[in-house]
Amino acid sequence: MIDIIRQRLNRYGASNALMEEHATKEIIQEIALYALWRTGFFEVAAFQGGTSLRILHRLPRFSEDLDFILKKPDPDFDWSKTLKKLLGHFDEFGLKSEALTKGKIDNRIKKAIIKDNSIINQLNLSFYSGHADQKLKIKLEIDVDPPQGSGFNYSYLDFPLDFEVCHQDLSSNFALKIHTLLCRQFIKGRDWYDFNWYLKQQVAPNLPLLRNALNQSGPWAKKMEPILTLGWLKNALENKVASIDWNFAARDVERFLSAQEQQSLSLWSERFFKSKVGALGSVVS
């Protein structure tokens, strides 16, 4: 089965070691999604976040982590049994990986990590040269107490084989991305790249979900009005935009983009993103 992985990697046409590494990680992500489907994971959980945009909607940037939310809150969710089954399915593709849970078991965000160097050894990848102990790492995170109000869709993927993925709809995914933009305590340029992408796709955020998320966690927890207005949202985003070092934000996302996409990063500034915030009015009814 390693041959289908080799064929998949060749289709990327990676032009340098970094792009080859990103492509290899993405292949492992796709196999992980297939393995999770085989375990029945998507009966209780949904795919969301940047990697879902990349794999399901062709977001033109690579993404590092696999993010999920439970369809219904379950504070007792544990990755352990799922990871054990996942590794069994990895073995079918010649991947001798390891997977383990991370962090405190009582956290709202339950974390796990997949580590693999078997694919590197079998494919003789250039970014691995001279690093015999290097392992690719894929983080998995799931929100076991998500805010209420998400919408869900189902999509079908065909690599490594045909399978089905339950995922947040774009409107709900956008809402939680905005929550992250407003509440994250450090700068992550990838968040703002995705924000711009949603607007270019004319996606309207799920405002009831965003209101519930803001009321659940962050600076506005338990302080939100029953209805989230467009005026309030634009003002909060403009304040955030004014506080950001845009050169730093651009450097954060640069390595995940093609050379063509990197050119637009020269536009990143307070003026640029305030214009993007202004565009929210054209997508929010």
C-alpha atoms as a PDB file:
ATOM      1  CA  MET A   1       0.000   0.000   0.000  1.00  0.00           C
ATOM      2  CA  ILE A   2       3.010   2.302   0.274  1.00  0.00           C
ATOM      3  CA  ASP A   3       2.850   2.647  -3.524  1.00  0.00           C
ATOM      4  CA  ILE A   4      -0.395   4.633  -3.401  1.00  0.00           C
ATOM      5  CA  ILE A   5       1.261   6.984  -0.900  1.00  0.00           C
ATOM      6  CA  ARG A   6       4.235   7.410  -3.247  1.00  0.00           C
ATOM      7  CA  GLN A   7       1.899   8.143  -6.153  1.00  0.00           C
ATOM      8  CA  ARG A   8      -0.007  10.672  -4.043  1.00  0.00           C
ATOM      9  CA  LEU A   9       3.204  12.463  -3.094  1.00  0.00           C
ATOM     10  CA  ASN A  10       4.352  12.629  -6.716  1.00  0.00           C
ATOM     11  CA  ARG A  11       1.148  14.463  -7.635  1.00  0.00           C
ATOM     12  CA  TYR A  12       2.163  17.412  -5.436  1.00  0.00           C
ATOM     13  CA  GLY A  13       5.244  18.109  -7.539  1.00  0.00           C
ATOM     14  CA  ALA A  14       6.995  19.543  -4.482  1.00  0.00           C
ATOM     15  CA  SER A  15       9.731  21.928  -5.604  1.00  0.00           C
ATOM     16  CA  ASN A  16      11.719  22.023  -2.355  1.00  0.00           C
ATOM     17  CA  ALA A  17      12.205  20.171   0.912  1.00  0.00           C
ATOM     18  CA  LEU A  18       9.715  22.314   2.843  1.00  0.00           C
ATOM     19  CA  MET A  19       6.910  21.739   0.333  1.00  0.00           C
ATOM     20  CA  GLU A  20       7.760  18.019   0.342  1.00  0.00           C
ATOM     21  CA  GLU A  21       7.453  17.941   4.125  1.00  0.00           C
ATOM     22  CA  HIS A  22       4.106  19.757   4.040  1.00  0.00           C
ATOM     23  CA  ALA A  23       2.824  17.388   1.351  1.00  0.00           C
ATOM     24  CA  THR A  24       3.903  14.322   3.324  1.00  0.00           C
ATOM     25  CA  LYS A  25       2.178  15.610   6.456  1.00  0.00           C
ATOM     26  CA  GLU A  26      -0.979  16.234   4.475  1.00  0.00           C
ATOM     27  CA  ILE A  27      -0.937  12.666   3.183  1.00  0.00           C
ATOM     28  CA  ILE A  28      -0.692  11.379   6.752  1.00  0.00           C
ATOM     29  CA  GLN A  29      -3.571  13.699   7.711  1.00  0.00           C
ATOM     30  CA  GLU A  30      -5.719  12.204   4.962  1.00  0.00           C
ATOM     31  CA  ILE A  31      -4.880   8.661   6.034  1.00  0.00           C
ATOM     32  CA  ALA A  32      -5.693   9.647   9.625  1.00  0.00           C
ATOM     33  CA  LEU A  33      -9.123  10.919   8.539  1.00  0.00           C
ATOM     34  CA  TYR A  34      -9.761   7.653   6.708  1.00  0.00           C
ATOM     35  CA  ALA A  35      -8.659   5.684   9.766  1.00  0.00           C
ATOM     36  CA  LEU A  36     -10.907   7.781  12.028  1.00  0.00           C
ATOM     37  CA  TRP A  37     -13.857   7.076   9.736  1.00  0.00           C
ATOM     38  CA  ARG A  38     -13.098   3.371   9.984  1.00  0.00           C
ATOM     39  CA  THR A  39     -13.304   3.639  13.787  1.00  0.00           C
ATOM     40  CA  GLY A  40     -16.749   5.284  13.679  1.00  0.00           C
ATOM     41  CA  PHE A  41     -15.316   8.560  14.960  1.00  0.00           C
ATOM     42  CA  PHE A  42     -17.446  10.744  12.677  1.00  0.00           C
ATOM     43  CA  GLU A  43     -20.625   9.392  14.196  1.00  0.00           C
ATOM     44  CA  VAL A  44     -19.891  11.512  17.283  1.00  0.00           C
ATOM     45  CA  ALA A  45     -17.442  14.155  16.013  1.00  0.00           C
ATOM     46  CA  ALA A  46     -16.991  16.635  13.171  1.00  0.00           C
ATOM     47  CA  PHE A  47     -13.904  17.864  11.331  1.00  0.00           C
ATOM     48  CA  GLN A  48     -13.260  21.623  11.533  1.00  0.00           C
ATOM     49  CA  GLY A  49     -10.511  24.230  11.418  1.00  0.00           C
ATOM     50  CA  GLY A  50      -7.850  25.133   8.874  1.00  0.00           C
ATOM     51  CA  THR A  51      -7.013  21.604   7.767  1.00  0.00           C
ATOM     52  CA  SER A  52     -10.672  20.939   6.993  1.00  0.00           C
ATOM     53  CA  LEU A  53     -10.610  24.000   4.729  1.00  0.00           C
ATOM     54  CA  ARG A  54      -7.462  22.717   3.055  1.00  0.00           C
ATOM     55  CA  ILE A  55      -8.606  19.140   2.458  1.00  0.00           C
ATOM     56  CA  LEU A  56     -12.330  19.685   1.868  1.00  0.00           C
ATOM     57  CA  HIS A  57     -12.428  23.162   0.286  1.00  0.00           C
ATOM     58  CA  ARG A  58      -8.966  23.597  -1.310  1.00  0.00           C
ATOM     59  CA  LEU A  59      -7.720  26.394   0.919  1.00  0.00           C
ATOM     60  CA  PRO A  60      -4.424  27.395  -0.785  1.00  0.00           C
ATOM     61  CA  ARG A  61      -2.228  26.958   2.262  1.00  0.00           C
ATOM     62  CA  PHE A  62      -0.933  23.923   4.113  1.00  0.00           C
ATOM     63  CA  SER A  63      -2.169  23.302   7.639  1.00  0.00           C
ATOM     64  CA  GLU A  64      -0.524  21.436  10.520  1.00  0.00           C
ATOM     65  CA  ASP A  65      -3.204  20.090  12.879  1.00  0.00           C
ATOM     66  CA  LEU A  66      -6.387  18.038  12.729  1.00  0.00           C
ATOM     67  CA  ASP A  67      -9.137  19.825  14.669  1.00  0.00           C
ATOM     68  CA  PHE A  68     -12.513  18.398  15.629  1.00  0.00           C
ATOM     69  CA  ILE A  69     -15.547  19.136  17.754  1.00  0.00           C
ATOM     70  CA  LEU A  70     -17.972  16.721  19.355  1.00  0.00           C
ATOM     71  CA  LYS A  71     -21.511  16.903  18.012  1.00  0.00           C
ATOM     72  CA  LYS A  72     -22.759  16.669  21.586  1.00  0.00           C
ATOM     73  CA  PRO A  73     -20.760  17.644  24.705  1.00  0.00           C
ATOM     74  CA  ASP A  74     -19.012  14.768  26.459  1.00  0.00           C
ATOM     75  CA  PRO A  75     -16.400  15.741  29.087  1.00  0.00           C
ATOM     76  CA  ASP A  76     -15.448  12.070  29.459  1.00  0.00           C
ATOM     77  CA  PHE A  77     -14.280  11.720  25.854  1.00  0.00           C
ATOM     78  CA  ASP A  78     -10.919   9.960  25.715  1.00  0.00           C
ATOM     79  CA  TRP A  79      -8.660   9.621  22.662  1.00  0.00           C
ATOM     80  CA  SER A  80      -7.076   6.365  23.854  1.00  0.00           C
ATOM     81  CA  LYS A  81      -9.400   3.760  22.305  1.00  0.00           C
ATOM     82  CA  THR A  82      -9.723   5.716  19.072  1.00  0.00           C
ATOM     83  CA  LEU A  83      -5.943   6.040  18.731  1.00  0.00           C
ATOM     84  CA  LYS A  84      -5.425   2.313  19.227  1.00  0.00           C
ATOM     85  CA  LYS A  85      -7.829   1.544  16.390  1.00  0.00           C
ATOM     86  CA  LEU A  86      -6.327   4.299  14.236  1.00  0.00           C
ATOM     87  CA  LEU A  87      -2.864   2.756  14.456  1.00  0.00           C
ATOM     88  CA  GLY A  88      -4.264  -0.571  13.335  1.00  0.00           C
ATOM     89  CA  HIS A  89      -5.534   1.060  10.144  1.00  0.00           C
ATOM     90  CA  PHE A  90      -2.240   2.908   9.661  1.00  0.00           C
ATOM     91  CA  ASP A  91      -0.531  -0.478   9.687  1.00  0.00           C
ATOM     92  CA  GLU A  92      -2.576  -1.496   6.626  1.00  0.00           C
ATOM     93  CA  PHE A  93      -0.730   1.209   4.678  1.00  0.00           C
ATOM     94  CA  GLY A  94       2.716   0.225   5.892  1.00  0.00           C
ATOM     95  CA  LEU A  95       2.908   3.046   8.439  1.00  0.00           C
ATOM     96  CA  LYS A  96       4.464   2.055  11.748  1.00  0.00           C
ATOM     97  CA  SER A  97       3.381   5.093  13.710  1.00  0.00           C
ATOM     98  CA  GLU A  98       2.856   5.895  17.347  1.00  0.00           C
ATOM     99  CA  ALA A  99       0.011   7.896  18.863  1.00  0.00           C
ATOM    100  CA  LEU A 100      -0.500   9.186  22.365  1.00  0.00           C
ATOM    101  CA  THR A 101      -2.731  11.531  24.305  1.00  0.00           C
ATOM    102  CA  LYS A 102      -1.398  14.852  25.568  1.00  0.00           C
ATOM    103  CA  GLY A 103      -2.281  17.325  28.282  1.00  0.00           C
ATOM    104  CA  LYS A 104      -4.649  17.113  31.217  1.00  0.00           C
ATOM    105  CA  ILE A 105      -7.595  14.763  30.886  1.00  0.00           C
ATOM    106  CA  ASP A 106      -9.984  17.335  32.399  1.00  0.00           C
ATOM    107  CA  ASN A 107      -9.279  20.031  29.787  1.00  0.00           C
ATOM    108  CA  ARG A 108     -12.066  21.112  27.458  1.00  0.00           C
ATOM    109  CA  ILE A 109      -9.726  20.630  24.483  1.00  0.00           C
ATOM    110  CA  LYS A 110      -8.518  17.022  24.459  1.00  0.00           C
ATOM    111  CA  LYS A 111      -5.227  16.616  22.596  1.00  0.00           C
ATOM    112  CA  ALA A 112      -3.332  13.770  20.985  1.00  0.00           C
ATOM    113  CA  ILE A 113      -0.359  13.413  18.655  1.00  0.00           C
ATOM    114  CA  ILE A 114       0.663  11.040  15.875  1.00  0.00           C
ATOM    115  CA  LYS A 115       4.373  10.510  15.281  1.00  0.00           C
ATOM    116  CA  ASP A 116       5.762   8.713  12.243  1.00  0.00           C
ATOM    117  CA  ASN A 117       9.097   8.217  10.533  1.00  0.00           C
ATOM    118  CA  SER A 118       8.250   4.998   8.671  1.00  0.00           C
ATOM    119  CA  ILE A 119       6.936   6.939   5.669  1.00  0.00           C
ATOM    120  CA  ILE A 120      10.154   8.957   5.582  1.00  0.00           C
ATOM    121  CA  ASN A 121      12.297   5.815   5.592  1.00  0.00           C
ATOM    122  CA  GLN A 122      10.267   4.090   2.882  1.00  0.00           C
ATOM    123  CA  LEU A 123      10.063   7.028   0.486  1.00  0.00           C
ATOM    124  CA  ASN A 124      13.605   8.397   0.924  1.00  0.00           C
ATOM    125  CA  LEU A 125      12.399  11.964   1.323  1.00  0.00           C
ATOM    126  CA  SER A 126      14.836  14.833   0.853  1.00  0.00           C
ATOM    127  CA  PHE A 127      13.819  16.817   3.959  1.00  0.00           C
ATOM    128  CA  TYR A 128      14.721  13.753   6.043  1.00  0.00           C
ATOM    129  CA  SER A 129      18.292  13.494   4.736  1.00  0.00           C
ATOM    130  CA  GLY A 130      20.823  13.514   7.569  1.00  0.00           C
ATOM    131  CA  HIS A 131      18.193  13.292  10.324  1.00  0.00           C
ATOM    132  CA  ALA A 132      17.858   9.598  11.131  1.00  0.00           C
ATOM    133  CA  ASP A 133      15.671  10.177  14.192  1.00  0.00           C
ATOM    134  CA  GLN A 134      13.330  12.794  12.673  1.00  0.00           C
ATOM    135  CA  LYS A 135       9.610  12.116  12.967  1.00  0.00           C
ATOM    136  CA  LEU A 136       6.653  13.777  11.352  1.00  0.00           C
ATOM    137  CA  LYS A 137       4.170  14.963  13.949  1.00  0.00           C
ATOM    138  CA  ILE A 138       0.453  15.534  13.469  1.00  0.00           C
ATOM    139  CA  LYS A 139      -1.506  17.029  16.367  1.00  0.00           C
ATOM    140  CA  LEU A 140      -5.138  16.141  16.953  1.00  0.00           C
ATOM    141  CA  GLU A 141      -7.415  18.332  19.057  1.00  0.00           C
ATOM    142  CA  ILE A 142     -11.095  17.957  19.891  1.00  0.00           C
ATOM    143  CA  ASP A 143     -13.413  20.340  21.713  1.00  0.00           C
ATOM    144  CA  VAL A 144     -15.466  18.133  24.042  1.00  0.00           C
ATOM    145  CA  ASP A 145     -17.721  21.006  25.174  1.00  0.00           C
ATOM    146  CA  PRO A 146     -18.325  23.046  22.007  1.00  0.00           C
ATOM    147  CA  PRO A 147     -20.688  26.033  21.928  1.00  0.00           C
ATOM    148  CA  GLN A 148     -24.173  25.257  20.695  1.00  0.00           C
ATOM    149  CA  GLY A 149     -25.375  26.149  17.221  1.00  0.00           C
ATOM    150  CA  SER A 150     -23.035  24.454  14.721  1.00  0.00           C
ATOM    151  CA  GLY A 151     -24.282  23.223  11.389  1.00  0.00           C
ATOM    152  CA  PHE A 152     -22.826  20.044   9.884  1.00  0.00           C
ATOM    153  CA  ASN A 153     -22.289  18.658   6.395  1.00  0.00           C
ATOM    154  CA  TYR A 154     -20.929  15.424   4.949  1.00  0.00           C
ATOM    155  CA  SER A 155     -18.268  15.116   2.265  1.00  0.00           C
ATOM    156  CA  TYR A 156     -16.727  12.160   0.474  1.00  0.00           C
ATOM    157  CA  LEU A 157     -13.005  11.749  -0.073  1.00  0.00           C
ATOM    158  CA  ASP A 158     -11.242   9.154  -2.199  1.00  0.00           C
ATOM    159  CA  PHE A 159      -7.742   8.993  -0.749  1.00  0.00           C
ATOM    160  CA  PRO A 160      -6.472   6.608   0.422  1.00  0.00           C
ATOM    161  CA  LEU A 161      -9.838   4.916  -0.343  1.00  0.00           C
ATOM    162  CA  ASP A 162     -13.421   6.143  -0.536  1.00  0.00           C
ATOM    163  CA  PHE A 163     -14.769   7.376   2.803  1.00  0.00           C
ATOM    164  CA  GLU A 164     -17.120   9.900   4.398  1.00  0.00           C
ATOM    165  CA  VAL A 165     -16.281  12.819   6.685  1.00  0.00           C
ATOM    166  CA  CYS A 166     -18.700  14.741   8.876  1.00  0.00           C
ATOM    167  CA  HIS A 167     -17.577  18.354   9.159  1.00  0.00           C
ATOM    168  CA  GLN A 168     -18.756  21.767  10.262  1.00  0.00           C
ATOM    169  CA  ASP A 169     -20.402  23.767   7.517  1.00  0.00           C
ATOM    170  CA  LEU A 170     -18.410  26.760   6.298  1.00  0.00           C
ATOM    171  CA  SER A 171     -20.600  29.306   8.083  1.00  0.00           C
ATOM    172  CA  SER A 172     -20.046  27.607  11.442  1.00  0.00           C
ATOM    173  CA  ASN A 173     -16.340  27.069  10.803  1.00  0.00           C
ATOM    174  CA  PHE A 174     -16.018  30.786   9.989  1.00  0.00           C
ATOM    175  CA  ALA A 175     -17.823  31.709  13.210  1.00  0.00           C
ATOM    176  CA  LEU A 176     -15.369  29.760  15.352  1.00  0.00           C
ATOM    177  CA  LYS A 177     -12.446  31.200  13.386  1.00  0.00           C
ATOM    178  CA  ILE A 178     -13.675  34.704  14.250  1.00  0.00           C
ATOM    179  CA  HIS A 179     -13.965  33.630  17.887  1.00  0.00           C
ATOM    180  CA  THR A 180     -10.321  32.541  17.719  1.00  0.00           C
ATOM    181  CA  LEU A 181      -9.284  35.832  16.077  1.00  0.00           C
ATOM    182  CA  LEU A 182     -10.911  37.849  18.826  1.00  0.00           C
ATOM    183  CA  CYS A 183      -9.844  35.705  21.777  1.00  0.00           C
ATOM    184  CA  ARG A 184      -6.436  34.196  20.952  1.00  0.00           C
ATOM    185  CA  GLN A 185      -3.785  35.797  23.150  1.00  0.00           C
ATOM    186  CA  PHE A 186      -0.990  35.536  20.591  1.00  0.00           C
ATOM    187  CA  ILE A 187      -0.681  36.376  16.900  1.00  0.00           C
ATOM    188  CA  LYS A 188      -1.175  33.625  14.357  1.00  0.00           C
ATOM    189  CA  GLY A 189      -1.080  34.895  10.789  1.00  0.00           C
ATOM    190  CA  ARG A 190      -2.749  31.724   9.526  1.00  0.00           C
ATOM    191  CA  ASP A 191      -5.953  32.816  11.298  1.00  0.00           C
ATOM    192  CA  TRP A 192      -6.036  36.057   9.325  1.00  0.00           C
ATOM    193  CA  TYR A 193      -5.212  34.325   6.052  1.00  0.00           C
ATOM    194  CA  ASP A 194      -8.236  32.096   6.615  1.00  0.00           C
ATOM    195  CA  PHE A 195     -10.396  35.108   7.546  1.00  0.00           C
ATOM    196  CA  ASN A 196      -9.553  36.703   4.198  1.00  0.00           C
ATOM    197  CA  TRP A 197     -10.248  33.407   2.395  1.00  0.00           C
ATOM    198  CA  TYR A 198     -13.737  33.125   3.901  1.00  0.00           C
ATOM    199  CA  LEU A 199     -14.578  36.638   2.762  1.00  0.00           C
ATOM    200  CA  LYS A 200     -13.352  35.925  -0.764  1.00  0.00           C
ATOM    201  CA  GLN A 201     -15.643  32.867  -0.791  1.00  0.00           C
ATOM    202  CA  GLN A 202     -18.578  35.099   0.304  1.00  0.00           C
ATOM    203  CA  VAL A 203     -19.148  32.962   3.418  1.00  0.00           C
ATOM    204  CA  ALA A 204     -21.330  34.544   6.107  1.00  0.00           C
ATOM    205  CA  PRO A 205     -20.412  33.592   9.690  1.00  0.00           C
ATOM    206  CA  ASN A 206     -22.965  31.748  11.812  1.00  0.00           C
ATOM    207  CA  LEU A 207     -23.658  34.641  14.198  1.00  0.00           C
ATOM    208  CA  PRO A 208     -25.728  32.699  16.788  1.00  0.00           C
ATOM    209  CA  LEU A 209     -22.865  30.183  17.097  1.00  0.00           C
ATOM    210  CA  LEU A 210     -20.299  32.999  17.351  1.00  0.00           C
ATOM    211  CA  ARG A 211     -22.361  34.664  20.056  1.00  0.00           C
ATOM    212  CA  ASN A 212     -22.537  31.392  22.008  1.00  0.00           C
ATOM    213  CA  ALA A 213     -18.787  30.872  21.617  1.00  0.00           C
ATOM    214  CA  LEU A 214     -17.970  34.392  22.829  1.00  0.00           C
ATOM    215  CA  ASN A 215     -20.331  33.954  25.750  1.00  0.00           C
ATOM    216  CA  GLN A 216     -18.677  30.645  26.657  1.00  0.00           C
ATOM    217  CA  SER A 217     -15.002  31.625  26.667  1.00  0.00           C
ATOM    218  CA  GLY A 218     -12.764  34.640  26.183  1.00  0.00           C
ATOM    219  CA  PRO A 219     -12.926  38.293  27.307  1.00  0.00           C
ATOM    220  CA  TRP A 220     -16.696  38.496  26.713  1.00  0.00           C
ATOM    221  CA  ALA A 221     -17.627  35.279  28.563  1.00  0.00           C
ATOM    222  CA  LYS A 222     -21.108  35.558  30.127  1.00  0.00           C
ATOM    223  CA  LYS A 223     -21.343  39.185  28.968  1.00  0.00           C
ATOM    224  CA  MET A 224     -22.780  38.910  25.457  1.00  0.00           C
ATOM    225  CA  GLU A 225     -26.153  40.355  24.523  1.00  0.00           C
ATOM    226  CA  PRO A 226     -28.809  37.881  23.302  1.00  0.00           C
ATOM    227  CA  ILE A 227     -28.255  39.030  19.703  1.00  0.00           C
ATOM    228  CA  LEU A 228     -24.827  39.643  18.182  1.00  0.00           C
ATOM    229  CA  THR A 229     -24.998  42.642  15.848  1.00  0.00           C
ATOM    230  CA  LEU A 230     -22.867  43.274  12.784  1.00  0.00           C
ATOM    231  CA  GLY A 231     -21.882  46.678  14.182  1.00  0.00           C
ATOM    232  CA  TRP A 232     -20.528  45.168  17.395  1.00  0.00           C
ATOM    233  CA  LEU A 233     -18.621  42.510  15.470  1.00  0.00           C
ATOM    234  CA  LYS A 234     -17.003  44.931  13.034  1.00  0.00           C
ATOM    235  CA  ASN A 235     -15.939  47.214  15.874  1.00  0.00           C
ATOM    236  CA  ALA A 236     -14.381  44.314  17.833  1.00  0.00           C
ATOM    237  CA  LEU A 237     -12.513  43.085  14.750  1.00  0.00           C
ATOM    238  CA  GLU A 238     -11.259  46.581  13.863  1.00  0.00           C
ATOM    239  CA  ASN A 239      -9.876  46.977  17.385  1.00  0.00           C
ATOM    240  CA  LYS A 240      -8.091  43.659  17.022  1.00  0.00           C
ATOM    241  CA  VAL A 241      -6.715  44.576  13.598  1.00  0.00           C
ATOM    242  CA  ALA A 242      -5.273  47.808  15.018  1.00  0.00           C
ATOM    243  CA  SER A 243      -3.342  45.868  17.677  1.00  0.00           C
ATOM    244  CA  ILE A 244      -1.474  43.453  15.398  1.00  0.00           C
ATOM    245  CA  ASP A 245       2.096  43.494  14.110  1.00  0.00           C
ATOM    246  CA  TRP A 246       1.293  42.618  10.508  1.00  0.00           C
ATOM    247  CA  ASN A 247       4.886  41.925   9.502  1.00  0.00           C
ATOM    248  CA  PHE A 248       5.041  39.259  12.208  1.00  0.00           C
ATOM    249  CA  ALA A 249       1.658  37.859  11.149  1.00  0.00           C
ATOM    250  CA  ALA A 250       2.788  37.601   7.521  1.00  0.00           C
ATOM    251  CA  ARG A 251       5.969  35.762   8.508  1.00  0.00           C
ATOM    252  CA  ASP A 252       3.901  33.229  10.474  1.00  0.00           C
ATOM    253  CA  VAL A 253       1.875  32.153   7.445  1.00  0.00           C
ATOM    254  CA  GLU A 254       4.513  32.564   4.730  1.00  0.00           C
ATOM    255  CA  ARG A 255       6.028  29.064   4.990  1.00  0.00           C
ATOM    256  CA  PHE A 256       2.617  27.452   4.416  1.00  0.00           C
ATOM    257  CA  LEU A 257       2.065  29.195   1.068  1.00  0.00           C
ATOM    258  CA  SER A 258       3.242  28.756  -2.484  1.00  0.00           C
ATOM    259  CA  ALA A 259       5.562  31.388  -3.932  1.00  0.00           C
ATOM    260  CA  GLN A 260       2.632  32.912  -5.845  1.00  0.00           C
ATOM    261  CA  GLU A 261       0.477  33.209  -2.706  1.00  0.00           C
ATOM    262  CA  GLN A 262       3.354  34.748  -0.752  1.00  0.00           C
ATOM    263  CA  GLN A 263       3.331  37.800  -3.025  1.00  0.00           C
ATOM    264  CA  SER A 264       0.054  39.056  -1.572  1.00  0.00           C
ATOM    265  CA  LEU A 265       1.507  39.128   1.938  1.00  0.00           C
ATOM    266  CA  SER A 266       3.160  42.442   1.054  1.00  0.00           C
ATOM    267  CA  LEU A 267      -0.345  43.953   1.311  1.00  0.00           C
ATOM    268  CA  TRP A 268      -0.861  42.885   4.901  1.00  0.00           C
ATOM    269  CA  SER A 269      -1.375  45.957   7.052  1.00  0.00           C
ATOM    270  CA  GLU A 270      -3.932  47.578   9.327  1.00  0.00           C
ATOM    271  CA  ARG A 271      -5.426  49.372   6.316  1.00  0.00           C
ATOM    272  CA  PHE A 272      -5.724  46.140   4.309  1.00  0.00           C
ATOM    273  CA  PHE A 273      -7.490  44.178   7.033  1.00  0.00           C
ATOM    274  CA  LYS A 274      -9.778  47.030   8.058  1.00  0.00           C
ATOM    275  CA  SER A 275     -11.003  46.982   4.471  1.00  0.00           C
ATOM    276  CA  LYS A 276     -11.606  43.253   4.837  1.00  0.00           C
ATOM    277  CA  VAL A 277     -13.572  43.801   8.046  1.00  0.00           C
ATOM    278  CA  GLY A 278     -15.633  46.354   6.160  1.00  0.00           C
ATOM    279  CA  ALA A 279     -16.462  43.674   3.588  1.00  0.00           C
ATOM    280  CA  LEU A 280     -18.302  41.689   6.254  1.00  0.00           C
ATOM    281  CA  GLY A 281     -21.343  43.854   5.582  1.00  0.00           C
ATOM    282  CA  SER A 282     -21.642  42.404   2.080  1.00  0.00           C
ATOM    283  CA  VAL A 283     -21.824  38.789   3.315  1.00  0.00           C
ATOM    284  CA  VAL A 284     -23.819  39.184   6.557  1.00  0.00           C
ATOM    285  CA  SER A 285     -27.504  39.698   5.880  1.00  0.00           C
END
